[in-house]
Amino acid sequence: MIFLYHINGIVEEIIDDQAIPISIQEKKPVEALLAMAKSYPEEWIVWCHSENKEQLNTKEFPELVHHKRRMLSYGDTAFPFLSPAIGYVEDSPFLKINKSKTFPTWCMSSAVGAIHASVITAIGTSITSTRGFDYFLNSLAKKGQSAGLLCYHEPLLLHSAPKEKTVAKASVSLQYIFTKEHFKASWLFFLFMCHVRYEKKFPLIACLYASLFVKNNHTGFDMTTIPIQSTKERSEKFEIDVIIPTLGRKMYLYDVLQDFSKQTVVPQKIIIVEQNPDLESNSELDYLTAEQWPFLIEHQFIHQTGACNARNKALKKTTADWIFLFDDDNRFDATLLERIAKAIKETGTHCLNMSYLQKGEVEKYKTYKQWETFGSGCSVVHRDIINNALFDMALEHGYGEDVDFGVQIRNLGYDVIYAPHIQILHLKAPIGGFRSLPTFPWNEDKVLPKPAPQILYHRIKNTTTQQLRGYKWVLFLKYYFRQQIKNPFSYISYFKKAWNKSDYWAKKLPLDG
């Protein structure tokens, strides 16, 4: 492990983990980082502002850097290098950071951080090194994340918060340059509009400069050459429970159980919550007891419909270390659980999402990556998560309950890792399913809420102020071309009423509470 200490944009000292000086001639941190990676390709490189040197928590490093494709940093999340305005154009869960926990994000800081030399080598010349250390780190993480680099805000790097004067801030001009380089060109003007509308700023020169003189830099780099092999210790025995909510899909569920019975690693228990709103109805799943299964089946038949309620009931019945959240219309091969166990060991993750494609769809990703969402029908989660998270009943019968669950996972200090090579076929059965068509109190309103109140509830709960404002404008612009009111002034008036109606109902969720 090599340590690079810098101050005022200049390298002050480079030493190894025995405090022996290393001779690197470059004086700027970015150039020094590139040179270090070339000279020491198998080393971890730690950068640290000299003011934070005494706070380095080196005892935690072996646990934090448990595989080569991790990038860590710790800065003041209240004052990130790129201002919160980046939320106007970035719609992901990686901006609203839980500052006290390990949290997946591409927002990096020069205050302190760590990266493996092989990652620096892999980027080649795809990232500019002329706009400062913080710009370089944020650009590397932003581009690397989509290629399979796992990037984190990591408070354990220091014994206490980084000193305020060690946290750099991007100028407005740099914010626009970053937007032009890393997002579609149209977002540049969207950012300008939001600056004018919400922050009373008029950065026209910065916007025009970035538009005319900065090139889009979407050139990616290959992370697949860097293996992921976590050094975290795991229990050799892989025990897993499966939970499945179901409604009206008797034969689809039967096929799912058959597939699980053929697994090379058999689940410990499968928990099925069957729903039927007819109070006079009985279970139709006769084969649960009529046939022999190589795993325990716990079956609960209820008359209350809803995916959130059904999953929560099932989760409370689990006992294994790992829980597979599953749907009743999936198909998969006999090695699914075996490959999941291997992937968990390789990544050291507490949450794994599998590729969940319908027939004819093609998987576009090639390697593990940080996932922006969460799939409630194709995910394996550790008990440490299940003990502290449930599906939010405010989102019952709506949309976003799985995305919200993913945010809960991240706020607990874990990450959602996507494994594209482990594939489950989602039949998307045309009948049955665990969602029913509910009647909401706003269905009879003269002006229907837009967006759905559950969606706005999720947005208010889980995104930054800037992200919510950006979402509102995107919805405003997209919806205009899908609805009947073409007079722009009439449409503005209508949209305000629809948004306010959604906001009204979102604040009343859950409806039964």
Protein backbone atom coordinates (compact mmCIF):
# COMPACT_ATOMS: atom_id res chain seq x y z
CA MET A 1 0.00 0.00 0.00
CA ILE A 2 1.31 3.44 -1.01
CA PHE A 3 0.28 6.77 0.53
CA LEU A 4 0.16 10.04 -1.41
CA TYR A 5 -0.14 13.17 0.74
CA HIS A 6 -0.99 16.44 -0.95
CA ILE A 7 -1.74 20.05 -0.02
CA ASN A 8 -2.72 23.09 -2.07
CA GLY A 9 -2.77 21.00 -5.24
CA ILE A 10 0.84 19.85 -4.79
CA VAL A 11 2.23 16.47 -3.76
CA GLU A 12 3.88 16.82 -0.36
CA GLU A 13 5.00 13.26 0.30
CA ILE A 14 4.71 9.71 -1.08
CA ILE A 15 5.57 6.81 1.23
CA ASP A 16 4.88 3.09 1.53
CA ASP A 17 3.17 1.36 4.45
CA GLN A 18 6.51 1.25 6.29
CA ALA A 19 6.83 5.06 5.99
CA ILE A 20 9.71 4.67 3.54
CA PRO A 21 9.77 7.53 0.98
CA ILE A 22 9.05 6.66 -2.65
CA SER A 23 10.63 8.67 -5.41
CA ILE A 24 7.98 9.99 -7.79
CA GLN A 25 8.96 13.20 -9.60
CA GLU A 26 5.48 14.50 -10.54
CA LYS A 27 4.25 17.30 -8.29
CA LYS A 28 0.58 17.36 -9.23
CA PRO A 29 -1.54 14.66 -7.53
CA VAL A 30 -3.12 13.37 -10.75
CA GLU A 31 0.19 12.94 -12.56
CA ALA A 32 1.70 11.38 -9.43
CA LEU A 33 -1.22 8.95 -9.20
CA LEU A 34 -0.73 7.86 -12.81
CA ALA A 35 3.02 7.44 -12.29
CA MET A 36 2.51 5.44 -9.11
CA ALA A 37 0.11 3.08 -10.86
CA LYS A 38 2.63 2.50 -13.63
CA SER A 39 5.49 1.82 -11.24
CA TYR A 40 3.51 -0.20 -8.68
CA PRO A 41 0.73 -1.98 -10.66
CA GLU A 42 -0.18 -4.40 -7.83
CA GLU A 43 -0.47 -1.86 -5.01
CA TRP A 44 -3.34 -0.04 -3.39
CA ILE A 45 -2.88 3.73 -3.57
CA VAL A 46 -4.21 5.92 -0.76
CA TRP A 47 -4.48 9.66 -1.30
CA CYS A 48 -4.89 11.98 1.65
CA HIS A 49 -4.83 15.71 2.22
CA SER A 50 -1.96 16.44 4.58
CA GLU A 51 -4.29 18.06 7.11
CA ASN A 52 -6.07 14.69 7.51
CA LYS A 53 -2.90 12.60 7.83
CA GLU A 54 -3.16 12.03 11.57
CA GLN A 55 -6.77 10.89 11.22
CA LEU A 56 -6.08 8.00 8.82
CA ASN A 57 -7.74 4.84 10.12
CA THR A 58 -5.26 2.37 8.65
CA LYS A 59 -6.42 -0.53 10.83
CA GLU A 60 -9.65 -0.69 8.82
CA PHE A 61 -7.98 -0.71 5.41
CA PRO A 62 -7.61 -4.51 4.94
CA GLU A 63 -11.37 -4.93 5.41
CA LEU A 64 -12.25 -1.94 3.24
CA VAL A 65 -10.11 -2.92 0.24
CA HIS A 66 -11.24 -6.54 0.03
CA HIS A 67 -11.15 -6.67 -3.78
CA LYS A 68 -9.36 -4.67 -6.47
CA ARG A 69 -12.38 -3.11 -8.13
CA ARG A 70 -13.31 -0.84 -5.22
CA MET A 71 -12.80 2.94 -5.10
CA LEU A 72 -13.28 4.72 -1.79
CA SER A 73 -13.26 8.30 -0.60
CA TYR A 74 -14.47 10.38 2.32
CA GLY A 75 -15.36 14.03 2.04
CA ASP A 76 -17.91 16.40 3.49
CA THR A 77 -21.20 15.29 1.88
CA ALA A 78 -22.82 18.59 2.83
CA PHE A 79 -20.32 20.38 0.60
CA PRO A 80 -19.41 18.00 -2.24
CA PHE A 81 -16.98 18.95 -4.99
CA LEU A 82 -19.83 19.19 -7.48
CA SER A 83 -22.61 21.24 -5.96
CA PRO A 84 -26.02 19.65 -5.24
CA ALA A 85 -27.14 21.23 -8.53
CA ILE A 86 -25.82 18.12 -10.31
CA GLY A 87 -29.04 16.53 -9.03
CA TYR A 88 -30.99 18.46 -11.66
CA VAL A 89 -29.46 16.21 -14.32
CA GLU A 90 -28.53 13.05 -12.38
CA ASP A 91 -31.48 10.81 -11.48
CA SER A 92 -29.89 8.01 -9.45
CA PRO A 93 -29.74 6.88 -5.80
CA PHE A 94 -26.05 7.84 -5.64
CA LEU A 95 -26.47 11.50 -4.67
CA LYS A 96 -28.54 11.43 -1.47
CA ILE A 97 -25.73 9.99 0.64
CA ASN A 98 -26.07 8.69 4.17
CA LYS A 99 -22.94 10.41 5.47
CA SER A 100 -22.53 8.13 8.51
CA LYS A 101 -22.53 4.86 6.52
CA THR A 102 -20.63 3.23 3.70
CA PHE A 103 -22.68 4.40 0.72
CA PRO A 104 -22.42 3.71 -3.04
CA THR A 105 -21.71 6.90 -4.96
CA TRP A 106 -19.52 8.25 -7.73
CA CYS A 107 -19.11 11.55 -5.83
CA MET A 108 -15.48 11.44 -4.73
CA SER A 109 -13.26 13.73 -2.65
CA SER A 110 -9.55 14.47 -2.58
CA ALA A 111 -9.72 14.74 1.23
CA VAL A 112 -8.95 11.02 1.50
CA GLY A 113 -9.51 7.93 -0.62
CA ALA A 114 -8.16 4.68 -2.01
CA ILE A 115 -7.98 2.91 -5.36
CA HIS A 116 -6.06 -0.05 -6.76
CA ALA A 117 -3.30 0.73 -9.24
CA SER A 118 -4.80 -1.65 -11.81
CA VAL A 119 -7.88 0.58 -12.07
CA ILE A 120 -5.72 3.62 -12.80
CA THR A 121 -3.92 1.61 -15.48
CA ALA A 122 -7.22 0.48 -17.01
CA ILE A 123 -8.50 4.01 -17.62
CA GLY A 124 -5.64 4.81 -20.02
CA THR A 125 -6.14 8.29 -21.50
CA SER A 126 -9.93 8.29 -21.30
CA ILE A 127 -10.05 10.87 -18.47
CA THR A 128 -8.60 14.36 -18.56
CA SER A 129 -5.95 15.14 -15.97
CA THR A 130 -5.80 18.90 -16.47
CA ARG A 131 -8.79 20.08 -14.41
CA GLY A 132 -7.56 19.26 -10.94
CA PHE A 133 -7.46 16.27 -8.63
CA ASP A 134 -11.10 16.33 -7.50
CA TYR A 135 -12.38 16.66 -11.06
CA PHE A 136 -10.24 13.69 -12.07
CA LEU A 137 -11.49 11.54 -9.18
CA ASN A 138 -15.16 12.34 -9.82
CA SER A 139 -14.78 11.76 -13.54
CA LEU A 140 -13.01 8.45 -12.97
CA ALA A 141 -15.74 7.24 -10.58
CA LYS A 142 -18.61 8.45 -12.78
CA LYS A 143 -17.29 6.69 -15.88
CA GLY A 144 -15.93 3.73 -13.97
CA GLN A 145 -19.15 3.00 -12.14
CA SER A 146 -20.99 2.17 -15.35
CA ALA A 147 -18.09 -0.08 -16.39
CA GLY A 148 -18.04 -2.11 -13.18
CA LEU A 149 -15.99 -0.04 -10.74
CA LEU A 150 -17.60 -0.13 -7.29
CA CYS A 151 -17.37 3.35 -5.75
CA TYR A 152 -18.17 4.31 -2.16
CA HIS A 153 -18.37 7.12 0.35
CA GLU A 154 -16.45 5.51 3.22
CA PRO A 155 -16.36 7.21 6.66
CA LEU A 156 -14.11 4.47 8.08
CA LEU A 157 -11.14 5.86 6.15
CA LEU A 158 -10.68 8.47 8.90
CA HIS A 159 -11.11 8.42 12.66
CA SER A 160 -13.14 11.65 12.42
CA ALA A 161 -14.66 13.89 9.77
CA PRO A 162 -12.21 15.44 7.27
CA LYS A 163 -11.18 18.96 8.12
CA GLU A 164 -13.31 21.54 6.33
CA LYS A 165 -10.42 23.30 4.57
CA THR A 166 -9.40 20.02 2.90
CA VAL A 167 -12.66 19.74 0.93
CA ALA A 168 -12.47 21.26 -2.55
CA LYS A 169 -15.40 22.91 -4.39
CA ALA A 170 -15.92 23.08 -8.14
CA SER A 171 -16.58 26.43 -9.79
CA VAL A 172 -19.81 26.91 -11.70
CA SER A 173 -17.78 26.68 -14.89
CA LEU A 174 -16.39 23.27 -13.88
CA GLN A 175 -19.90 22.05 -13.08
CA TYR A 176 -20.99 22.82 -16.62
CA ILE A 177 -17.85 21.27 -18.09
CA PHE A 178 -18.47 18.11 -16.06
CA THR A 179 -22.10 17.99 -17.23
CA LYS A 180 -21.09 18.35 -20.88
CA GLU A 181 -18.44 15.65 -20.59
CA HIS A 182 -20.51 13.07 -18.73
CA PHE A 183 -24.14 13.62 -19.76
CA LYS A 184 -26.02 14.13 -22.99
CA ALA A 185 -25.59 17.64 -24.40
CA SER A 186 -29.25 18.53 -23.85
CA TRP A 187 -28.79 18.27 -20.07
CA LEU A 188 -26.45 21.25 -20.22
CA PHE A 189 -29.30 23.61 -21.06
CA PHE A 190 -31.61 21.83 -18.65
CA LEU A 191 -29.08 22.58 -15.90
CA PHE A 192 -28.96 26.22 -16.98
CA MET A 193 -32.75 26.47 -16.86
CA CYS A 194 -32.83 25.02 -13.33
CA HIS A 195 -30.07 27.39 -12.18
CA VAL A 196 -32.15 30.33 -13.39
CA ARG A 197 -35.46 29.01 -12.09
CA TYR A 198 -34.49 27.73 -8.65
CA GLU A 199 -31.21 29.38 -7.69
CA LYS A 200 -31.63 32.81 -9.31
CA LYS A 201 -28.28 32.33 -11.08
CA PHE A 202 -27.58 33.17 -14.71
CA PRO A 203 -24.39 31.25 -15.66
CA LEU A 204 -24.82 31.88 -19.38
CA ILE A 205 -21.10 32.21 -20.15
CA ALA A 206 -20.31 28.91 -18.35
CA CYS A 207 -23.13 27.19 -20.23
CA LEU A 208 -22.11 28.54 -23.64
CA TYR A 209 -18.43 27.80 -23.08
CA ALA A 210 -19.15 24.18 -22.18
CA SER A 211 -21.57 23.88 -25.09
CA LEU A 212 -19.16 25.25 -27.70
CA PHE A 213 -15.71 24.27 -26.51
CA VAL A 214 -16.07 21.09 -24.42
CA LYS A 215 -16.48 17.70 -26.04
CA ASN A 216 -18.66 14.90 -24.76
CA ASN A 217 -16.32 12.39 -23.18
CA HIS A 218 -18.35 9.19 -23.00
CA THR A 219 -15.39 6.96 -23.79
CA GLY A 220 -15.52 4.14 -21.29
CA PHE A 221 -12.87 1.76 -20.10
CA ASP A 222 -12.73 -1.98 -19.54
CA MET A 223 -13.02 -3.23 -15.97
CA THR A 224 -13.46 -6.88 -16.93
CA THR A 225 -9.68 -7.33 -16.98
CA ILE A 226 -9.62 -6.67 -13.21
CA PRO A 227 -10.92 -9.72 -11.34
CA ILE A 228 -13.25 -9.45 -8.37
CA GLN A 229 -12.21 -11.89 -5.66
CA SER A 230 -13.20 -10.66 -2.23
CA THR A 231 -10.96 -11.52 0.71
CA LYS A 232 -13.89 -11.28 3.12
CA GLU A 233 -14.41 -14.38 5.19
CA ARG A 234 -17.73 -16.14 4.53
CA SER A 235 -19.33 -19.15 6.10
CA GLU A 236 -18.66 -22.20 3.95
CA LYS A 237 -22.26 -23.34 4.30
CA PHE A 238 -24.68 -21.43 2.08
CA GLU A 239 -28.21 -21.61 3.48
CA ILE A 240 -31.03 -19.76 1.76
CA ASP A 241 -34.78 -19.28 2.13
CA VAL A 242 -36.99 -18.29 -0.80
CA ILE A 243 -40.06 -16.06 -0.48
CA ILE A 244 -42.73 -16.00 -3.19
CA PRO A 245 -45.97 -13.95 -3.17
CA THR A 246 -48.56 -15.39 -5.55
CA LEU A 247 -52.09 -14.77 -6.79
CA GLY A 248 -53.84 -16.79 -9.48
CA ARG A 249 -50.77 -18.38 -11.03
CA LYS A 250 -51.09 -21.98 -9.91
CA MET A 251 -49.21 -23.66 -12.76
CA TYR A 252 -46.55 -20.97 -13.10
CA LEU A 253 -45.75 -21.39 -9.41
CA TYR A 254 -45.64 -25.15 -9.84
CA ASP A 255 -42.95 -24.77 -12.51
CA VAL A 256 -40.98 -22.49 -10.17
CA LEU A 257 -41.07 -25.11 -7.40
CA GLN A 258 -40.00 -27.78 -9.86
CA ASP A 259 -37.01 -25.67 -10.91
CA PHE A 260 -36.00 -25.17 -7.26
CA SER A 261 -36.31 -28.90 -6.58
CA LYS A 262 -33.69 -29.58 -9.28
CA GLN A 263 -31.10 -27.18 -7.90
CA THR A 264 -27.57 -28.37 -7.22
CA VAL A 265 -27.84 -26.31 -4.03
CA VAL A 266 -31.34 -26.86 -2.64
CA PRO A 267 -33.01 -24.04 -0.68
CA GLN A 268 -33.62 -24.62 3.00
CA LYS A 269 -37.20 -23.37 2.91
CA ILE A 270 -39.67 -21.79 0.48
CA ILE A 271 -42.26 -19.47 1.94
CA ILE A 272 -45.34 -18.89 -0.19
CA VAL A 273 -47.91 -16.21 0.59
CA GLU A 274 -50.98 -16.90 -1.53
CA GLN A 275 -53.52 -14.10 -1.93
CA ASN A 276 -57.14 -14.12 -3.00
CA PRO A 277 -59.44 -11.18 -2.22
CA ASP A 278 -62.55 -13.41 -2.32
CA LEU A 279 -63.44 -14.01 1.31
CA GLU A 280 -65.16 -17.29 0.38
CA SER A 281 -62.17 -18.66 -1.48
CA ASN A 282 -59.68 -21.36 -0.48
CA SER A 283 -56.17 -22.17 -1.57
CA GLU A 284 -55.77 -23.65 -5.05
CA LEU A 285 -52.24 -24.87 -4.44
CA ASP A 286 -53.11 -28.51 -3.73
CA TYR A 287 -49.74 -29.78 -4.99
CA LEU A 288 -47.95 -28.21 -2.00
CA THR A 289 -49.08 -31.12 0.16
CA ALA A 290 -49.96 -33.69 -2.50
CA GLU A 291 -46.36 -33.96 -3.70
CA GLN A 292 -43.02 -34.48 -2.00
CA TRP A 293 -40.54 -31.60 -2.11
CA PRO A 294 -36.84 -31.60 -1.16
CA PHE A 295 -37.28 -28.45 0.93
CA LEU A 296 -39.67 -27.26 3.59
CA ILE A 297 -42.65 -25.27 2.28
CA GLU A 298 -44.40 -22.78 4.53
CA HIS A 299 -47.68 -21.70 2.97
CA GLN A 300 -49.91 -18.87 4.13
CA PHE A 301 -53.24 -18.14 2.48
CA ILE A 302 -54.62 -14.61 2.97
CA HIS A 303 -57.45 -12.49 1.58
CA GLN A 304 -55.49 -9.23 1.61
CA THR A 305 -53.82 -8.50 -1.71
CA GLY A 306 -50.68 -6.49 -2.21
CA ALA A 307 -47.02 -7.26 -2.86
CA CYS A 308 -45.65 -5.23 0.06
CA ASN A 309 -47.86 -6.93 2.64
CA ALA A 310 -47.24 -10.40 1.20
CA ARG A 311 -43.48 -10.00 1.09
CA ASN A 312 -43.33 -8.55 4.59
CA LYS A 313 -45.30 -11.49 5.96
CA ALA A 314 -42.99 -13.91 4.20
CA LEU A 315 -39.81 -12.14 5.31
CA LYS A 316 -40.84 -12.50 8.96
CA LYS A 317 -40.95 -16.27 8.52
CA THR A 318 -37.39 -16.60 7.17
CA THR A 319 -34.64 -18.13 9.27
CA ALA A 320 -31.68 -18.65 6.90
CA ASP A 321 -28.73 -16.26 6.55
CA TRP A 322 -29.71 -15.54 2.94
CA ILE A 323 -33.15 -14.76 1.56
CA PHE A 324 -34.14 -14.98 -2.11
CA LEU A 325 -36.93 -12.55 -3.08
CA PHE A 326 -38.64 -14.23 -5.98
CA ASP A 327 -41.64 -14.02 -8.33
CA ASP A 328 -44.11 -16.76 -9.19
CA ASP A 329 -43.54 -16.64 -12.97
CA ASN A 330 -39.77 -17.17 -13.29
CA ARG A 331 -37.79 -19.97 -14.94
CA PHE A 332 -34.14 -20.85 -14.31
CA ASP A 333 -31.58 -23.61 -14.65
CA ALA A 334 -30.40 -26.10 -12.03
CA THR A 335 -27.22 -24.19 -11.12
CA LEU A 336 -28.88 -20.88 -10.20
CA LEU A 337 -28.34 -21.06 -6.43
CA GLU A 338 -24.85 -22.52 -6.82
CA ARG A 339 -23.80 -19.60 -9.02
CA ILE A 340 -25.40 -17.11 -6.63
CA ALA A 341 -23.36 -18.53 -3.75
CA LYS A 342 -20.21 -18.17 -5.82
CA ALA A 343 -21.04 -14.57 -6.79
CA ILE A 344 -21.68 -13.60 -3.16
CA LYS A 345 -18.30 -15.00 -2.18
CA GLU A 346 -16.54 -13.25 -5.06
CA THR A 347 -18.04 -9.81 -4.39
CA GLY A 348 -18.41 -9.90 -0.61
CA THR A 349 -21.81 -8.27 -1.05
CA HIS A 350 -24.87 -8.43 1.21
CA CYS A 351 -27.26 -7.96 -1.72
CA LEU A 352 -27.12 -9.47 -5.19
CA ASN A 353 -29.46 -8.69 -8.10
CA MET A 354 -29.62 -11.11 -10.99
CA SER A 355 -30.27 -10.42 -14.68
CA TYR A 356 -34.05 -10.49 -15.07
CA LEU A 357 -34.89 -10.57 -18.76
CA GLN A 358 -38.02 -11.47 -20.70
CA LYS A 359 -37.90 -13.80 -23.67
CA GLY A 360 -36.01 -12.21 -26.57
CA GLU A 361 -34.24 -9.59 -24.48
CA VAL A 362 -30.45 -9.45 -24.50
CA GLU A 363 -28.26 -8.65 -21.49
CA LYS A 364 -26.05 -5.63 -22.29
CA TYR A 365 -23.78 -5.69 -19.25
CA LYS A 366 -20.72 -7.92 -19.05
CA THR A 367 -19.54 -7.67 -15.46
CA TYR A 368 -20.61 -6.97 -11.88
CA LYS A 369 -21.73 -3.38 -11.33
CA GLN A 370 -23.42 -1.16 -8.78
CA TRP A 371 -27.11 -1.32 -9.50
CA GLU A 372 -29.24 1.85 -9.56
CA THR A 373 -32.41 0.07 -8.51
CA PHE A 374 -33.48 -3.19 -6.83
CA GLY A 375 -35.43 -6.14 -8.19
CA SER A 376 -37.92 -7.61 -5.75
CA GLY A 377 -38.37 -10.71 -7.92
CA CYS A 378 -34.72 -11.57 -8.54
CA SER A 379 -32.65 -10.54 -5.52
CA VAL A 380 -30.77 -12.30 -2.74
CA VAL A 381 -30.25 -10.35 0.49
CA HIS A 382 -28.47 -11.12 3.75
CA ARG A 383 -30.27 -11.44 7.07
CA ASP A 384 -28.48 -8.33 8.37
CA ILE A 385 -30.60 -6.40 5.87
CA ILE A 386 -33.85 -8.28 6.44
CA ASN A 387 -33.59 -7.67 10.18
CA ASN A 388 -33.67 -3.92 9.54
CA ALA A 389 -35.80 -3.35 6.42
CA LEU A 390 -39.36 -4.00 5.24
CA PHE A 391 -41.33 -3.01 2.17
CA ASP A 392 -42.96 0.37 2.73
CA MET A 393 -46.74 -0.11 2.98
CA ALA A 394 -47.24 3.46 1.75
CA LEU A 395 -46.32 2.10 -1.69
CA GLU A 396 -48.77 -0.81 -1.64
CA HIS A 397 -50.61 -1.31 -4.96
CA GLY A 398 -48.53 1.48 -6.46
CA TYR A 399 -45.06 1.70 -7.91
CA GLY A 400 -41.58 2.00 -6.50
CA GLU A 401 -41.71 -0.37 -3.53
CA ASP A 402 -38.73 -2.32 -4.79
CA VAL A 403 -36.73 0.82 -5.63
CA ASP A 404 -37.51 2.11 -2.12
CA PHE A 405 -36.33 -1.17 -0.61
CA GLY A 406 -33.05 -0.73 -2.48
CA VAL A 407 -32.64 2.72 -0.94
CA GLN A 408 -33.23 1.23 2.50
CA ILE A 409 -30.43 -1.27 1.81
CA ARG A 410 -28.01 1.51 0.88
CA ASN A 411 -28.95 3.59 3.91
CA LEU A 412 -28.09 0.61 6.11
CA GLY A 413 -24.54 0.73 4.76
CA TYR A 414 -24.78 -1.99 2.11
CA ASP A 415 -24.83 -2.00 -1.68
CA VAL A 416 -26.89 -3.60 -4.44
CA ILE A 417 -24.57 -5.48 -6.81
CA TYR A 418 -25.82 -6.58 -10.22
CA ALA A 419 -24.66 -9.94 -11.61
CA PRO A 420 -25.48 -9.92 -15.35
CA HIS A 421 -24.05 -13.40 -15.93
CA ILE A 422 -26.63 -14.99 -13.60
CA GLN A 423 -29.85 -14.90 -15.56
CA ILE A 424 -33.46 -15.60 -14.66
CA LEU A 425 -36.17 -15.73 -17.32
CA HIS A 426 -39.17 -13.59 -16.38
CA LEU A 427 -42.22 -14.96 -18.18
CA LYS A 428 -44.28 -11.89 -17.34
CA ALA A 429 -47.36 -14.08 -17.05
CA PRO A 430 -50.40 -12.39 -18.63
CA ILE A 431 -52.82 -13.62 -15.97
CA GLY A 432 -52.83 -13.65 -12.20
CA GLY A 433 -49.88 -12.00 -10.60
CA PHE A 434 -49.62 -10.56 -7.14
CA ARG A 435 -50.86 -7.10 -8.13
CA SER A 436 -54.59 -6.43 -8.20
CA LEU A 437 -56.39 -3.37 -9.49
CA PRO A 438 -57.19 -1.27 -6.41
CA THR A 439 -59.53 1.66 -6.05
CA PHE A 440 -57.79 4.77 -4.80
CA PRO A 441 -59.63 7.75 -3.25
CA TRP A 442 -58.19 10.09 -5.88
CA ASN A 443 -59.65 8.09 -8.79
CA GLU A 444 -62.78 10.23 -8.78
CA ASP A 445 -61.00 13.59 -8.54
CA LYS A 446 -61.76 16.03 -11.33
CA VAL A 447 -58.02 16.58 -11.80
CA LEU A 448 -56.14 13.30 -11.44
CA PRO A 449 -52.79 13.43 -9.65
CA LYS A 450 -49.66 13.48 -11.80
CA PRO A 451 -47.44 11.62 -11.08
CA ALA A 452 -49.10 8.80 -9.13
CA PRO A 453 -48.98 9.75 -5.43
CA GLN A 454 -46.91 6.65 -4.63
CA ILE A 455 -44.26 7.73 -7.11
CA LEU A 456 -44.10 11.23 -5.68
CA TYR A 457 -44.00 9.79 -2.15
CA HIS A 458 -40.94 7.75 -3.15
CA ARG A 459 -39.32 10.76 -4.82
CA ILE A 460 -39.84 13.02 -1.81
CA LYS A 461 -38.55 10.35 0.55
CA ASN A 462 -35.54 9.14 -1.40
CA THR A 463 -34.16 11.90 -3.64
CA THR A 464 -32.53 15.28 -3.13
CA THR A 465 -34.38 18.55 -3.53
CA GLN A 466 -32.60 19.16 -6.83
CA GLN A 467 -33.43 15.68 -8.11
CA LEU A 468 -37.10 16.17 -7.26
CA ARG A 469 -37.16 19.50 -9.10
CA GLY A 470 -35.39 17.98 -12.09
CA TYR A 471 -37.86 15.09 -12.16
CA LYS A 472 -40.78 17.53 -12.05
CA TRP A 473 -39.48 19.41 -15.11
CA VAL A 474 -38.75 16.23 -17.06
CA LEU A 475 -42.26 14.97 -16.32
CA PHE A 476 -43.71 18.35 -17.29
CA LEU A 477 -41.96 18.31 -20.66
CA LYS A 478 -42.58 14.65 -21.50
CA TYR A 479 -46.21 14.60 -20.44
CA TYR A 480 -47.04 17.61 -22.62
CA PHE A 481 -46.70 15.49 -25.77
CA ARG A 482 -48.80 12.64 -24.34
CA GLN A 483 -51.90 14.49 -23.23
CA GLN A 484 -54.68 16.35 -25.03
CA ILE A 485 -54.16 19.95 -23.84
CA LYS A 486 -51.97 21.65 -26.46
CA ASN A 487 -52.41 25.25 -25.35
CA PRO A 488 -49.20 25.74 -23.32
CA PHE A 489 -50.75 28.16 -20.85
CA SER A 490 -53.69 25.87 -20.17
CA TYR A 491 -51.30 22.95 -19.84
CA ILE A 492 -49.14 24.78 -17.29
CA SER A 493 -52.21 25.49 -15.19
CA TYR A 494 -53.40 21.89 -15.47
CA PHE A 495 -50.01 20.41 -14.61
CA LYS A 496 -49.68 22.57 -11.48
CA LYS A 497 -53.05 21.32 -10.26
CA ALA A 498 -52.19 17.69 -11.05
CA TRP A 499 -48.80 17.95 -9.28
CA ASN A 500 -50.34 19.63 -6.23
CA LYS A 501 -53.00 16.92 -6.11
CA SER A 502 -50.29 14.25 -6.17
CA ASP A 503 -48.38 16.07 -3.44
CA TYR A 504 -51.56 16.23 -1.32
CA TRP A 505 -52.18 12.49 -1.53
CA ALA A 506 -48.49 11.55 -1.22
CA LYS A 507 -48.44 13.19 2.20
CA LYS A 508 -51.43 11.06 3.27
CA LEU A 509 -49.81 7.71 2.44
CA PRO A 510 -50.19 5.02 3.66
CA LEU A 511 -53.94 5.41 3.21
CA ASP A 512 -54.87 3.11 6.06
CA GLY A 513 -52.53 4.84 8.49
